[in-house]
Amino acid sequence: MTDHLITHSASQHTDPDNVIHCHGAGSLDGFFAPAPTSILDTLTARYKTMRASLESVAAMVNSNDNAAAIAHFIHGNRPQRGNHMPAVGQLFQLSGALASLHAECWQEALSLTDVYEYMPNERRSEWDNMIHEMTTPEFNEDTVRATLNDLLLQRETFLAERVDGIFRALSGAHVTNRPEGFSRRMIMNGMFDQWDTLDYSRKGYIHDLRHVIAKFMGRGVPVGTDNALKAAYARSGEWLSLDGGTLRVRAYKKGTVHCEIHPEMAWRLNSILAHLYPLAIPSQHREKPARRMKTFELKGNLLPFPVLSELDSMSAERHLPAQRGRFTQPMQPVTTNPFNRRFHQGEHDKRARAEAVRVLETIGGVKQGDNSRAWWEFDYDPTEALSEIVASGCLPDIKSHQYYPTRAVLAEMLIESADIQDTDLCLEPSAGMGGIADFMPKEQTTCVEISPLHCHVLKAKGYACFQADFLAWAETTVPCFDVVAMNPPYSEGRAIAHVRAAAKLLCHGGRLVAILPAGTDKDALLPGWHCEWSGVHEGAFDGTGVRVIMLKAVKPS
C-alpha cells in the first residue's frame, strides 16, 4: 500500500446456505478504514486553545501577587486535612500540565484512526505506557501528522505482526501447531494457572485472534473474551463456539486451551503471515479451501458487537438485603428473584439496548420495574445462556433453550389462516408470553405455560392461563376446543408430540394451526386429516438460522 487514504469496503452478508463471506487476505486493499489528512484539524485547533489557556493559568497563578491567595484556596478545600499538598508553584507547573495535555491529545489522535486496532501487543503497550506516564512527544502539528501517516502506512505490517504474535504464542509441544502456519487446530498453554485464574496476558492472544477474524467479517471489536474463556474453563473438555462458528475453544483444567479455526479463516491468517515470511508459508496453506467443511459451519445473522457488549456488561439486581454494618442499616432487596439481570447505568446506544432487550425476552426474560430502574427476571440462571450468546454472537442452539417468541408477522399469518369465529374456543399451548395469543380474542382463548413468570404476564394481559407442562395437562383435559394455535418446542421430536397432544383436544371439525420445523415429516404427522402447508420461512427467529413452515390441519368430522 502506498496511500494511507484507504477506503473501507468490508461488509458482511450471507448466501442461500447461510454462510458468511469474508474478504480475501492475499491483498488487503479495502480492508482498512479511511484516514483523511483533515482528521486532525479540529483536534489541533483544540490543542492550541487549551495550551493557551494553560499558559495563561500558569502565568496568573505563579505571579507574586496571586500565589499566596491561591495557596489558601488549595489548603482550605483539600479533601482530607491531613493529606500533604504540594506547594502552589509545584502544583501549577506548566510542564506537568502540558505533559498531560500532550498525552490526552495523542490518545485522541490515535482513536480518530483505526491504527490502534492493528498494533500488535508490544506496540500498543508502548503507546499505552507513554500515555499513562505522560511521556508522549509534544503534540506538534507537523510531528503528529508525520507520525500518524507513518503509523497508517504500517497498518498492513502491524496486522501481520499481530497475527505473527498469535502464531508465536502457540504451544511448541503440540504437533497440531504446524510450523508452516495456522492449521485448523491450535493449542495454547498457560491460559489458566494452578489457582484456576485466567492469565490476562495470554488471554490477549485469543482476543487478538477474534479481532483479526472479526475484521475479515467486516465487524467491529469483539467483546467478552474474558467471560468466554472462563465459561469454556468451567465446562472443561467441551467445545464453545465463538463468533458465528469462525472459531471455537476448548479449555482443560491443566490450563491449556485448544482452538479450532474455520478453514475459511485459517488460509486468510496464513496469507497475512506470508506478508512477513513470504517464503516460509507454502502456497497450499494460503489458498481458499476447495471444499466447504460440513462439520464446521459458519453462521450468519450475527448480533452486532454493541448489542453483545450491552449483554456482556449486565449484572444482577440486588435480591438479598446487604449485611448490616456497624453504622449502616440493611438495604432492602429490589427483588426476591436471584435469577435477574439489569443493564449498566449511564449513556448507551439506544438501538443496541433495544436489541439487547429483545434478546433477553427471547431467552425468557420478563421485564420488571419501570424505565428508571428496570430489570429482567428468569425462571432459571441465565448466566450460561448469556455467556454463550456473547461468545457465539448469536442465540443459543434451539436444542439448548426452548423459548423462542414467535415473530409478530408469523403469528399474524398463522391466526389469519385459523379463521377464528366469534363462538370458537381457542387454545395456545406452550404460550410463552403470548406471542400468538396476542392475535387471538382474549375472552375465547386459554393459554398453557410452564413458566410462572410468563403465566403472570399472560394473566396480566387478561388471558385464562394454566401453569403446567402442556403434555401432562393435555392427558387430563377433555377435548373441547375449536381452534389450537401453537409454536411448539422443536428438540428431540417434541414438536410432533405437542402437535399430536393438541390434536386430541380439538372437537370434530376443529382447526389446528402450527409453526413447525421445515424438516417435519408431513405425511406421518396427522394421517387422515386435511392438511395445508406453507412454503419455508427463513430466519423465523431473530439471531437464529431456524427455517420453519406453517401447518393448517382440519380434524375429520
Protein backbone atom coordinates (compact mmCIF):
# COMPACT_ATOMS: atom_id res chain seq x y z
CA MET A 1 0.00 0.00 0.00
CA THR A 2 1.37 3.41 -0.90
CA ASP A 3 -1.52 5.66 0.02
CA HIS A 4 -2.97 5.89 3.54
CA LEU A 5 -6.28 7.21 2.25
CA ILE A 6 -7.72 3.72 2.05
CA THR A 7 -11.45 3.17 1.81
CA HIS A 8 -13.20 0.57 3.91
CA SER A 9 -15.34 -1.80 1.87
CA ALA A 10 -15.71 -4.56 4.45
CA SER A 11 -19.19 -5.95 4.64
CA GLN A 12 -20.99 -9.00 5.92
CA HIS A 13 -23.61 -10.89 4.01
CA THR A 14 -24.91 -14.40 3.67
CA ASP A 15 -25.51 -16.71 0.77
CA PRO A 16 -28.51 -19.06 0.47
CA ASP A 17 -26.62 -21.62 2.58
CA ASN A 18 -26.33 -19.08 5.40
CA VAL A 19 -22.52 -18.90 5.28
CA ILE A 20 -20.67 -15.66 5.95
CA HIS A 21 -18.44 -14.42 3.15
CA CYS A 22 -15.21 -12.79 4.21
CA HIS A 23 -12.70 -10.68 2.36
CA GLY A 24 -9.64 -12.28 0.90
CA ALA A 25 -6.38 -11.63 2.68
CA GLY A 26 -3.91 -12.07 -0.13
CA SER A 27 -4.43 -8.39 -0.86
CA LEU A 28 -5.60 -6.16 1.95
CA ASP A 29 -6.83 -3.35 -0.28
CA GLY A 30 -10.17 -2.12 1.01
CA PHE A 31 -9.51 -3.69 4.42
CA PHE A 32 -8.75 -0.60 6.48
CA ALA A 33 -10.90 2.35 7.46
CA PRO A 34 -10.38 5.71 5.70
CA ALA A 35 -7.91 8.14 7.23
CA PRO A 36 -8.21 11.58 5.58
CA THR A 37 -5.48 14.11 6.30
CA SER A 38 -8.06 16.59 7.63
CA ILE A 39 -8.77 14.29 10.57
CA LEU A 40 -6.52 16.32 12.89
CA ASP A 41 -7.70 19.83 12.06
CA THR A 42 -10.28 20.11 14.83
CA LEU A 43 -8.07 18.37 17.38
CA THR A 44 -5.11 20.60 16.58
CA ALA A 45 -7.22 23.74 16.99
CA ARG A 46 -8.50 22.48 20.37
CA TYR A 47 -4.95 21.72 21.45
CA LYS A 48 -3.78 25.24 20.64
CA THR A 49 -6.72 26.77 22.50
CA MET A 50 -6.14 24.60 25.58
CA ARG A 51 -2.40 25.25 25.55
CA ALA A 52 -3.01 28.99 25.52
CA SER A 53 -5.36 28.57 28.49
CA LEU A 54 -2.78 26.52 30.41
CA GLU A 55 -0.09 29.10 29.77
CA SER A 56 -2.44 31.87 30.92
CA VAL A 57 -3.37 29.99 34.11
CA ALA A 58 0.27 29.18 34.89
CA ALA A 59 1.29 32.80 34.41
CA MET A 60 -1.57 34.04 36.61
CA VAL A 61 -1.05 31.51 39.42
CA ASN A 62 2.70 31.86 39.60
CA SER A 63 2.75 35.65 39.77
CA ASN A 64 3.92 37.03 43.12
CA ASP A 65 0.57 38.73 43.76
CA ASN A 66 -1.59 35.61 43.31
CA ALA A 67 0.44 32.66 44.62
CA ALA A 68 -0.28 33.29 48.32
CA ALA A 69 -4.02 33.77 47.75
CA ILE A 70 -4.32 30.57 45.66
CA ALA A 71 -2.48 28.64 48.38
CA HIS A 72 -5.37 29.43 50.74
CA PHE A 73 -7.87 28.06 48.22
CA ILE A 74 -5.94 24.81 47.91
CA HIS A 75 -5.32 24.25 51.62
CA GLY A 76 -8.86 25.27 52.61
CA ASN A 77 -10.55 22.93 50.07
CA ARG A 78 -8.37 19.81 50.15
CA PRO A 79 -10.41 16.60 50.70
CA GLN A 80 -8.69 15.50 53.92
CA ARG A 81 -6.94 17.93 56.20
CA GLY A 82 -4.11 15.53 57.00
CA ASN A 83 -3.03 14.95 53.40
CA HIS A 84 0.16 16.54 52.19
CA MET A 85 -0.35 19.13 49.48
CA PRO A 86 2.44 20.26 47.16
CA ALA A 87 3.39 23.88 47.02
CA VAL A 88 1.42 26.13 44.69
CA GLY A 89 4.37 26.62 42.40
CA GLN A 90 4.87 22.88 42.08
CA LEU A 91 1.18 22.11 41.61
CA PHE A 92 0.78 24.63 38.79
CA GLN A 93 3.97 23.91 36.87
CA LEU A 94 3.31 24.45 33.19
CA SER A 95 5.47 21.47 32.17
CA GLY A 96 3.28 18.98 34.03
CA ALA A 97 0.06 20.43 32.62
CA LEU A 98 1.45 20.35 29.09
CA ALA A 99 2.60 16.73 29.54
CA SER A 100 -0.98 15.84 30.49
CA LEU A 101 -2.37 17.75 27.52
CA HIS A 102 0.09 16.11 25.09
CA ALA A 103 -0.82 12.62 26.34
CA GLU A 104 -4.56 13.32 26.09
CA CYS A 105 -4.31 14.68 22.55
CA TRP A 106 -2.11 11.82 21.37
CA GLN A 107 -4.59 9.34 22.76
CA GLU A 108 -7.46 11.07 20.98
CA ALA A 109 -5.47 11.33 17.75
CA LEU A 110 -4.85 7.57 17.78
CA SER A 111 -8.53 6.91 18.48
CA LEU A 112 -9.54 9.00 15.46
CA THR A 113 -7.98 6.37 13.20
CA ASP A 114 -8.14 2.57 13.25
CA VAL A 115 -4.37 2.25 13.55
CA TYR A 116 -4.50 1.39 17.26
CA GLU A 117 -6.70 -1.62 16.46
CA TYR A 118 -3.99 -3.18 14.30
CA MET A 119 -0.97 -2.60 16.54
CA PRO A 120 0.49 -5.80 17.99
CA ASN A 121 0.54 -6.08 21.78
CA GLU A 122 4.09 -4.80 22.19
CA ARG A 123 3.50 -1.61 20.19
CA ARG A 124 0.16 -0.96 21.89
CA SER A 125 1.83 -1.39 25.27
CA GLU A 126 4.50 1.17 24.34
CA TRP A 127 1.88 3.77 23.45
CA ASP A 128 -0.25 2.89 26.48
CA ASN A 129 2.74 3.35 28.78
CA MET A 130 3.72 6.69 27.23
CA ILE A 131 0.16 7.97 27.54
CA HIS A 132 -0.20 6.70 31.12
CA GLU A 133 3.19 8.07 32.19
CA MET A 134 2.61 11.28 30.19
CA THR A 135 5.91 10.90 28.31
CA THR A 136 4.48 11.27 24.80
CA PRO A 137 6.20 13.66 22.38
CA GLU A 138 4.97 17.24 22.18
CA PHE A 139 1.73 17.50 20.25
CA ASN A 140 3.28 19.48 17.43
CA GLU A 141 1.09 19.51 14.31
CA ASP A 142 3.87 18.56 11.90
CA THR A 143 5.13 15.80 14.21
CA VAL A 144 1.65 14.41 14.78
CA ARG A 145 0.77 14.33 11.09
CA ALA A 146 4.07 12.70 10.17
CA THR A 147 3.77 10.12 12.96
CA LEU A 148 0.17 9.20 12.17
CA ASN A 149 0.87 9.00 8.44
CA ASP A 150 3.75 6.64 9.18
CA LEU A 151 1.59 4.51 11.50
CA LEU A 152 -1.24 4.39 8.98
CA LEU A 153 1.13 3.24 6.26
CA GLN A 154 2.31 0.44 8.56
CA ARG A 155 -1.16 -0.95 9.26
CA GLU A 156 -0.67 -3.92 6.97
CA THR A 157 2.65 -4.69 8.68
CA PHE A 158 1.06 -4.19 12.11
CA LEU A 159 -1.72 -6.61 11.22
CA ALA A 160 0.85 -9.16 10.08
CA GLU A 161 2.84 -8.67 13.29
CA ARG A 162 -0.32 -9.13 15.31
CA VAL A 163 -1.12 -12.40 13.57
CA ASP A 164 2.53 -13.41 13.98
CA GLY A 165 2.27 -12.73 17.72
CA ILE A 166 -0.72 -15.07 17.92
CA PHE A 167 1.16 -17.75 15.99
CA ARG A 168 4.26 -17.44 18.20
CA ALA A 169 2.08 -17.80 21.32
CA LEU A 170 1.07 -21.33 20.30
CA SER A 171 2.49 -24.26 22.22
CA GLY A 172 5.61 -25.71 20.66
CA ALA A 173 5.00 -29.06 22.33
CA HIS A 174 1.93 -29.99 20.29
CA VAL A 175 2.23 -31.38 16.77
CA THR A 176 -1.10 -29.85 15.71
CA ASN A 177 0.59 -26.42 15.80
CA ARG A 178 2.19 -26.60 12.36
CA PRO A 179 5.42 -24.63 11.76
CA GLU A 180 4.30 -23.63 8.26
CA GLY A 181 1.35 -21.59 9.51
CA PHE A 182 -2.07 -21.75 11.08
CA SER A 183 -3.86 -25.04 10.92
CA ARG A 184 -7.41 -25.84 11.84
CA ARG A 185 -6.43 -27.00 15.37
CA MET A 186 -4.14 -24.91 17.61
CA ILE A 187 -3.14 -25.23 21.27
CA MET A 188 -2.05 -22.55 23.75
CA ASN A 189 -0.51 -23.40 27.11
CA GLY A 190 -0.77 -21.47 30.38
CA MET A 191 -4.13 -19.81 29.80
CA PHE A 192 -5.14 -20.66 33.38
CA ASP A 193 -2.86 -21.13 36.39
CA GLN A 194 -2.97 -23.65 39.23
CA TRP A 195 -5.44 -21.43 41.10
CA ASP A 196 -7.89 -21.52 38.15
CA THR A 197 -7.13 -17.86 37.39
CA LEU A 198 -7.16 -16.58 33.81
CA ASP A 199 -3.80 -15.24 32.61
CA TYR A 200 -4.82 -11.91 31.10
CA SER A 201 -1.62 -11.50 29.11
CA ARG A 202 -2.22 -14.88 27.44
CA LYS A 203 -5.92 -14.07 27.01
CA GLY A 204 -4.89 -11.15 24.81
CA TYR A 205 -3.79 -13.55 22.06
CA ILE A 206 -7.25 -15.14 21.86
CA HIS A 207 -8.78 -11.65 21.80
CA ASP A 208 -6.36 -10.61 19.03
CA LEU A 209 -7.31 -13.74 17.07
CA ARG A 210 -11.02 -12.90 17.44
CA HIS A 211 -10.33 -9.30 16.44
CA VAL A 212 -8.48 -10.22 13.26
CA ILE A 213 -11.21 -12.68 12.29
CA ALA A 214 -13.82 -10.01 13.02
CA LYS A 215 -12.05 -7.68 10.58
CA PHE A 216 -12.26 -10.38 7.90
CA MET A 217 -16.01 -10.46 8.52
CA GLY A 218 -16.44 -6.68 8.36
CA ARG A 219 -17.31 -6.50 12.08
CA GLY A 220 -16.04 -4.31 14.91
CA VAL A 221 -14.06 -5.09 18.05
CA PRO A 222 -15.26 -8.30 19.76
CA VAL A 223 -16.38 -8.32 23.39
CA GLY A 224 -16.49 -10.84 26.21
CA THR A 225 -13.24 -12.75 25.59
CA ASP A 226 -12.57 -12.99 29.35
CA ASN A 227 -16.00 -14.41 30.10
CA ALA A 228 -15.90 -16.72 27.08
CA LEU A 229 -12.64 -18.32 28.21
CA LYS A 230 -13.90 -18.61 31.79
CA ALA A 231 -17.09 -20.26 30.51
CA ALA A 232 -15.02 -22.71 28.45
CA TYR A 233 -12.85 -23.47 31.50
CA ALA A 234 -15.94 -24.05 33.66
CA ARG A 235 -17.17 -26.71 31.20
CA SER A 236 -13.74 -28.29 30.78
CA GLY A 237 -13.38 -30.54 27.75
CA GLU A 238 -16.39 -29.15 25.86
CA TRP A 239 -16.22 -27.00 22.74
CA LEU A 240 -17.51 -23.43 22.97
CA SER A 241 -18.31 -21.76 19.65
CA LEU A 242 -17.22 -18.13 19.17
CA ASP A 243 -18.25 -15.51 16.65
CA GLY A 244 -20.65 -17.45 14.48
CA GLY A 245 -18.55 -20.60 14.28
CA THR A 246 -15.41 -18.95 12.89
CA LEU A 247 -13.54 -20.09 15.98
CA ARG A 248 -14.22 -22.49 18.83
CA VAL A 249 -12.29 -23.12 22.02
CA ARG A 250 -12.00 -25.99 24.49
CA ALA A 251 -10.26 -25.46 27.83
CA TYR A 252 -8.75 -28.04 30.17
CA LYS A 253 -8.08 -27.92 33.90
CA LYS A 254 -4.33 -28.12 33.31
CA GLY A 255 -4.59 -24.64 31.81
CA THR A 256 -4.34 -25.34 28.09
CA VAL A 257 -6.83 -24.03 25.56
CA HIS A 258 -7.45 -25.78 22.24
CA CYS A 259 -8.65 -23.60 19.36
CA GLU A 260 -10.17 -24.68 16.09
CA ILE A 261 -10.23 -22.09 13.32
CA HIS A 262 -12.62 -22.47 10.44
CA PRO A 263 -10.65 -23.26 7.24
CA GLU A 264 -12.18 -20.13 5.66
CA MET A 265 -10.26 -18.13 8.29
CA ALA A 266 -7.07 -20.21 8.56
CA TRP A 267 -5.96 -19.59 4.99
CA ARG A 268 -6.56 -15.85 5.42
CA LEU A 269 -4.44 -15.80 8.56
CA ASN A 270 -1.68 -17.63 6.68
CA SER A 271 -1.91 -15.12 3.83
CA ILE A 272 -1.29 -12.30 6.30
CA LEU A 273 1.55 -14.24 7.92
CA ALA A 274 3.11 -14.58 4.48
CA HIS A 275 3.40 -10.77 4.40
CA LEU A 276 6.21 -11.16 6.97
CA TYR A 277 7.54 -14.54 5.82
CA PRO A 278 6.81 -14.82 2.08
CA LEU A 279 8.99 -17.92 1.62
CA ALA A 280 8.01 -19.74 4.82
CA ILE A 281 4.31 -20.34 4.20
CA PRO A 282 3.62 -22.94 1.47
CA SER A 283 1.19 -21.76 -1.18
CA GLN A 284 -1.34 -24.51 -0.43
CA HIS A 285 -1.81 -23.03 3.05
CA ARG A 286 -2.52 -19.58 1.60
CA GLU A 287 -5.29 -20.69 -0.74
CA LYS A 288 -9.02 -20.91 -0.14
CA PRO A 289 -10.15 -24.48 0.64
CA ALA A 290 -11.63 -26.24 -2.37
CA ARG A 291 -14.43 -27.85 -0.36
CA ARG A 292 -16.78 -26.44 2.24
CA MET A 293 -16.47 -28.06 5.66
CA LYS A 294 -19.83 -29.60 6.52
CA THR A 295 -18.83 -30.29 10.13
CA PHE A 296 -17.62 -26.73 10.78
CA GLU A 297 -20.50 -24.44 9.89
CA LEU A 298 -20.37 -20.67 9.74
CA LYS A 299 -23.50 -18.89 10.91
CA GLY A 300 -25.00 -15.69 9.55
CA ASN A 301 -27.37 -13.18 11.15
CA LEU A 302 -24.88 -12.45 13.92
CA LEU A 303 -25.82 -9.94 16.59
CA PRO A 304 -23.81 -6.69 16.35
CA PHE A 305 -20.99 -6.24 18.84
CA PRO A 306 -22.65 -3.19 20.51
CA VAL A 307 -25.61 -5.45 21.34
CA LEU A 308 -23.30 -8.16 22.69
CA SER A 309 -21.46 -5.52 24.73
CA GLU A 310 -24.75 -4.50 26.38
CA LEU A 311 -25.44 -8.12 27.33
CA ASP A 312 -21.87 -8.75 28.48
CA SER A 313 -21.93 -5.80 30.90
CA MET A 314 -25.19 -6.79 32.63
CA SER A 315 -25.17 -7.55 36.35
CA ALA A 316 -27.62 -8.92 38.92
CA GLU A 317 -30.01 -6.54 40.66
CA ARG A 318 -29.93 -6.60 44.45
CA HIS A 319 -32.11 -9.51 45.56
CA LEU A 320 -30.91 -10.04 49.15
CA PRO A 321 -30.50 -7.50 51.95
CA ALA A 322 -26.99 -6.17 52.41
CA GLN A 323 -25.34 -7.36 55.62
CA ARG A 324 -25.87 -4.88 58.45
CA GLY A 325 -22.72 -2.98 59.24
CA ARG A 326 -21.80 -1.21 62.44
CA PHE A 327 -23.08 2.16 61.29
CA THR A 328 -25.38 1.21 58.42
CA GLN A 329 -28.92 -0.05 58.03
CA PRO A 330 -29.56 -3.16 55.90
CA MET A 331 -30.69 -2.32 52.37
CA GLN A 332 -34.00 -3.79 51.26
CA PRO A 333 -33.90 -6.18 48.29
CA VAL A 334 -35.15 -4.83 44.99
CA THR A 335 -36.44 -8.30 44.04
CA THR A 336 -36.58 -11.72 45.63
CA ASN A 337 -35.71 -13.46 42.33
CA PRO A 338 -31.99 -14.38 42.27
CA PHE A 339 -32.13 -15.06 38.52
CA ASN A 340 -32.22 -11.50 37.28
CA ARG A 341 -30.12 -9.12 35.22
CA ARG A 342 -30.03 -5.36 34.73
CA PHE A 343 -28.16 -3.12 32.32
CA HIS A 344 -25.38 -0.80 33.39
CA GLN A 345 -26.40 2.74 34.16
CA GLY A 346 -25.30 5.75 32.13
CA GLU A 347 -25.12 6.62 28.46
CA HIS A 348 -25.78 3.86 25.96
CA ASP A 349 -26.64 3.18 22.34
CA LYS A 350 -30.45 3.16 22.28
CA ARG A 351 -30.71 0.86 19.27
CA ALA A 352 -28.22 -1.61 20.75
CA ARG A 353 -30.05 -1.54 24.08
CA ALA A 354 -33.42 -2.17 22.39
CA GLU A 355 -31.99 -5.17 20.50
CA ALA A 356 -30.44 -6.48 23.73
CA VAL A 357 -33.87 -6.28 25.37
CA ARG A 358 -35.30 -8.42 22.55
CA VAL A 359 -32.56 -10.99 23.18
CA LEU A 360 -33.45 -11.13 26.89
CA GLU A 361 -37.10 -11.67 26.03
CA THR A 362 -36.11 -14.36 23.54
CA ILE A 363 -34.40 -16.43 26.26
CA GLY A 364 -37.32 -15.97 28.64
CA GLY A 365 -36.58 -12.72 30.49
CA VAL A 366 -39.54 -10.78 31.89
CA LYS A 367 -39.16 -7.05 32.46
CA GLN A 368 -39.80 -5.76 35.96
CA GLY A 369 -39.74 -2.25 37.39
CA ASP A 370 -40.03 0.93 35.37
CA ASN A 371 -37.74 2.60 32.85
CA SER A 372 -35.86 4.48 35.58
CA ARG A 373 -34.92 1.18 37.26
CA ALA A 374 -35.78 -1.85 35.16
CA TRP A 375 -34.50 -5.39 35.40
CA TRP A 376 -35.31 -8.76 33.79
CA GLU A 377 -36.20 -11.87 35.77
CA PHE A 378 -35.83 -15.50 34.67
CA ASP A 379 -37.11 -18.91 35.78
CA TYR A 380 -33.56 -20.25 35.51
CA ASP A 381 -30.00 -19.00 35.96
CA PRO A 382 -29.30 -17.12 32.67
CA THR A 383 -25.52 -16.97 33.17
CA GLU A 384 -24.68 -19.81 30.79
CA ALA A 385 -27.16 -18.70 28.15
CA LEU A 386 -25.87 -15.10 28.18
CA SER A 387 -22.24 -16.25 28.10
CA GLU A 388 -22.99 -18.43 25.08
CA ILE A 389 -24.78 -15.60 23.28
CA VAL A 390 -21.94 -13.13 23.85
CA ALA A 391 -19.29 -15.67 22.83
CA SER A 392 -21.03 -17.10 19.77
CA GLY A 393 -22.58 -13.83 18.59
CA CYS A 394 -25.97 -15.46 18.16
CA LEU A 395 -28.79 -17.01 20.17
CA PRO A 396 -28.22 -20.44 21.75
CA ASP A 397 -29.00 -23.50 19.70
CA ILE A 398 -32.71 -24.27 19.79
CA LYS A 399 -31.93 -27.67 21.35
CA SER A 400 -30.41 -25.94 24.36
CA HIS A 401 -33.02 -23.28 25.04
CA GLN A 402 -36.60 -23.87 24.03
CA TYR A 403 -38.12 -20.43 24.49
CA TYR A 404 -38.25 -18.51 21.20
CA PRO A 405 -41.01 -15.88 20.96
CA THR A 406 -42.99 -16.03 17.76
CA ARG A 407 -42.37 -13.09 15.47
CA ALA A 408 -45.46 -10.93 15.08
CA VAL A 409 -45.56 -11.30 11.30
CA LEU A 410 -45.63 -15.11 11.55
CA ALA A 411 -48.15 -15.09 14.41
CA GLU A 412 -50.50 -12.82 12.46
CA MET A 413 -50.28 -15.03 9.36
CA LEU A 414 -50.91 -18.11 11.48
CA ILE A 415 -54.03 -16.73 13.17
CA GLU A 416 -55.40 -15.38 9.90
CA SER A 417 -55.24 -18.92 8.48
CA ALA A 418 -57.14 -20.27 11.54
CA ASP A 419 -60.25 -18.25 10.59
CA ILE A 420 -61.42 -17.86 14.21
CA GLN A 421 -65.18 -17.32 14.61
CA ASP A 422 -66.99 -15.43 17.39
CA THR A 423 -68.09 -18.64 19.14
CA ASP A 424 -64.83 -20.60 18.80
CA LEU A 425 -62.99 -21.75 21.93
CA CYS A 426 -59.25 -21.32 21.35
CA LEU A 427 -56.09 -22.75 22.89
CA GLU A 428 -52.43 -21.77 22.74
CA PRO A 429 -50.20 -24.49 24.23
CA SER A 430 -46.71 -23.53 25.47
CA ALA A 431 -47.81 -19.92 25.18
CA GLY A 432 -44.65 -18.17 26.38
CA MET A 433 -45.64 -14.54 26.89
CA GLY A 434 -48.45 -14.69 24.35
CA GLY A 435 -46.73 -14.13 21.03
CA ILE A 436 -49.53 -15.97 19.24
CA ALA A 437 -52.33 -15.36 21.76
CA ASP A 438 -51.92 -11.60 21.28
CA PHE A 439 -53.66 -12.04 17.90
CA MET A 440 -56.48 -14.18 19.34
CA PRO A 441 -59.67 -12.98 21.11
CA LYS A 442 -58.86 -12.85 24.86
CA GLU A 443 -62.32 -13.86 26.08
CA GLN A 444 -62.23 -17.01 23.92
CA THR A 445 -58.60 -18.06 24.50
CA THR A 446 -56.97 -20.38 27.05
CA CYS A 447 -53.19 -20.48 27.46
CA VAL A 448 -50.99 -23.20 28.92
CA GLU A 449 -47.47 -22.22 30.02
CA ILE A 450 -44.93 -23.91 32.29
CA SER A 451 -43.08 -20.74 33.36
CA PRO A 452 -44.55 -18.99 36.43
CA LEU A 453 -43.14 -15.65 35.26
CA HIS A 454 -44.75 -15.99 31.85
CA CYS A 455 -48.04 -17.02 33.44
CA HIS A 456 -48.01 -13.74 35.37
CA VAL A 457 -47.54 -11.89 32.08
CA LEU A 458 -50.37 -13.79 30.39
CA LYS A 459 -52.78 -13.24 33.28
CA ALA A 460 -51.89 -9.55 33.34
CA LYS A 461 -52.85 -9.43 29.66
CA GLY A 462 -56.25 -10.89 30.51
CA TYR A 463 -55.90 -14.50 29.36
CA ALA A 464 -57.17 -17.58 31.21
CA CYS A 465 -53.90 -19.38 31.92
CA PHE A 466 -52.89 -22.77 33.34
CA GLN A 467 -49.35 -23.13 34.71
CA ALA A 468 -48.43 -26.66 33.62
CA ASP A 469 -46.38 -28.81 31.29
CA PHE A 470 -48.61 -28.99 28.23
CA LEU A 471 -48.14 -32.70 27.53
CA ALA A 472 -49.15 -33.61 31.09
CA TRP A 473 -52.01 -31.10 31.06
CA ALA A 474 -53.38 -32.47 27.79
CA GLU A 475 -53.67 -36.00 29.22
CA THR A 476 -56.29 -34.89 31.78
CA THR A 477 -58.19 -32.31 29.69
CA VAL A 478 -61.47 -33.05 27.93
CA PRO A 479 -61.48 -32.29 24.16
CA CYS A 480 -63.48 -29.10 23.74
CA PHE A 481 -61.54 -26.61 21.60
CA ASP A 482 -62.46 -25.37 18.15
CA VAL A 483 -59.03 -23.85 17.34
CA VAL A 484 -55.49 -24.65 18.53
CA ALA A 485 -52.72 -22.24 17.51
CA MET A 486 -49.22 -23.22 18.52
CA ASN A 487 -45.46 -22.81 18.16
CA PRO A 488 -44.22 -25.93 20.00
CA PRO A 489 -40.67 -26.66 21.22
CA TYR A 490 -38.66 -28.37 18.49
CA SER A 491 -35.93 -30.54 20.04
CA GLU A 492 -35.93 -34.33 20.37
CA GLY A 493 -39.18 -34.80 18.47
CA ARG A 494 -41.12 -32.64 20.92
CA ALA A 495 -42.83 -30.69 18.14
CA ILE A 496 -44.54 -33.83 16.87
CA ALA A 497 -45.54 -34.91 20.40
CA HIS A 498 -47.01 -31.47 21.15
CA VAL A 499 -48.96 -31.31 17.88
CA ARG A 500 -50.46 -34.78 18.38
CA ALA A 501 -51.38 -33.99 22.00
CA ALA A 502 -53.04 -30.72 20.89
CA ALA A 503 -54.89 -32.52 18.10
CA LYS A 504 -56.65 -34.75 20.66
CA LEU A 505 -58.09 -31.63 22.37
CA LEU A 506 -59.96 -30.47 19.26
CA CYS A 507 -63.64 -31.03 18.59
CA HIS A 508 -64.53 -32.81 15.34
CA GLY A 509 -64.07 -30.34 12.51
CA GLY A 510 -61.72 -28.21 14.64
CA ARG A 511 -58.66 -26.46 13.16
CA LEU A 512 -55.07 -26.77 14.28
CA VAL A 513 -52.53 -24.21 13.04
CA ALA A 514 -48.86 -24.55 13.96
CA ILE A 515 -45.38 -23.24 13.20
CA LEU A 516 -43.10 -26.26 12.73
CA PRO A 517 -39.51 -27.06 11.70
CA ALA A 518 -39.03 -27.09 7.93
CA GLY A 519 -37.94 -30.74 8.04
CA THR A 520 -41.17 -32.04 9.61
CA ASP A 521 -42.46 -35.31 8.12
CA LYS A 522 -45.69 -34.00 6.61
CA ASP A 523 -47.24 -37.34 5.71
CA ALA A 524 -46.78 -39.01 9.10
CA LEU A 525 -47.77 -36.12 11.36
CA LEU A 526 -51.60 -36.25 11.29
CA PRO A 527 -52.69 -39.08 9.00
CA GLY A 528 -56.28 -38.80 7.83
CA TRP A 529 -56.51 -35.05 8.49
CA HIS A 530 -56.89 -32.43 5.77
CA CYS A 531 -53.54 -30.59 5.93
CA GLU A 532 -52.32 -27.48 4.15
CA TRP A 533 -48.65 -26.47 4.32
CA SER A 534 -46.98 -23.13 3.64
CA GLY A 535 -43.65 -22.57 1.98
CA VAL A 536 -40.42 -22.33 4.02
CA HIS A 537 -39.84 -19.18 6.08
CA GLU A 538 -36.14 -18.35 6.54
CA GLY A 539 -34.74 -16.74 9.72
CA ALA A 540 -38.01 -17.22 11.56
CA PHE A 541 -36.48 -16.27 14.92
CA ASP A 542 -34.10 -13.32 15.30
CA GLY A 543 -30.48 -14.34 15.82
CA THR A 544 -31.02 -17.95 14.68
CA GLY A 545 -30.90 -19.87 11.41
CA VAL A 546 -34.17 -21.72 12.11
CA ARG A 547 -36.29 -22.47 9.00
CA VAL A 548 -39.98 -23.12 9.55
CA ILE A 549 -43.20 -24.00 7.76
CA MET A 550 -46.80 -23.36 8.80
CA LEU A 551 -49.48 -26.04 9.02
CA LYS A 552 -53.26 -25.74 8.91
CA ALA A 553 -54.97 -29.06 9.71
CA VAL A 554 -58.71 -29.81 9.99
CA LYS A 555 -59.83 -32.69 12.20
CA PRO A 556 -62.10 -35.19 10.44
CA SER A 557 -65.78 -34.96 11.45
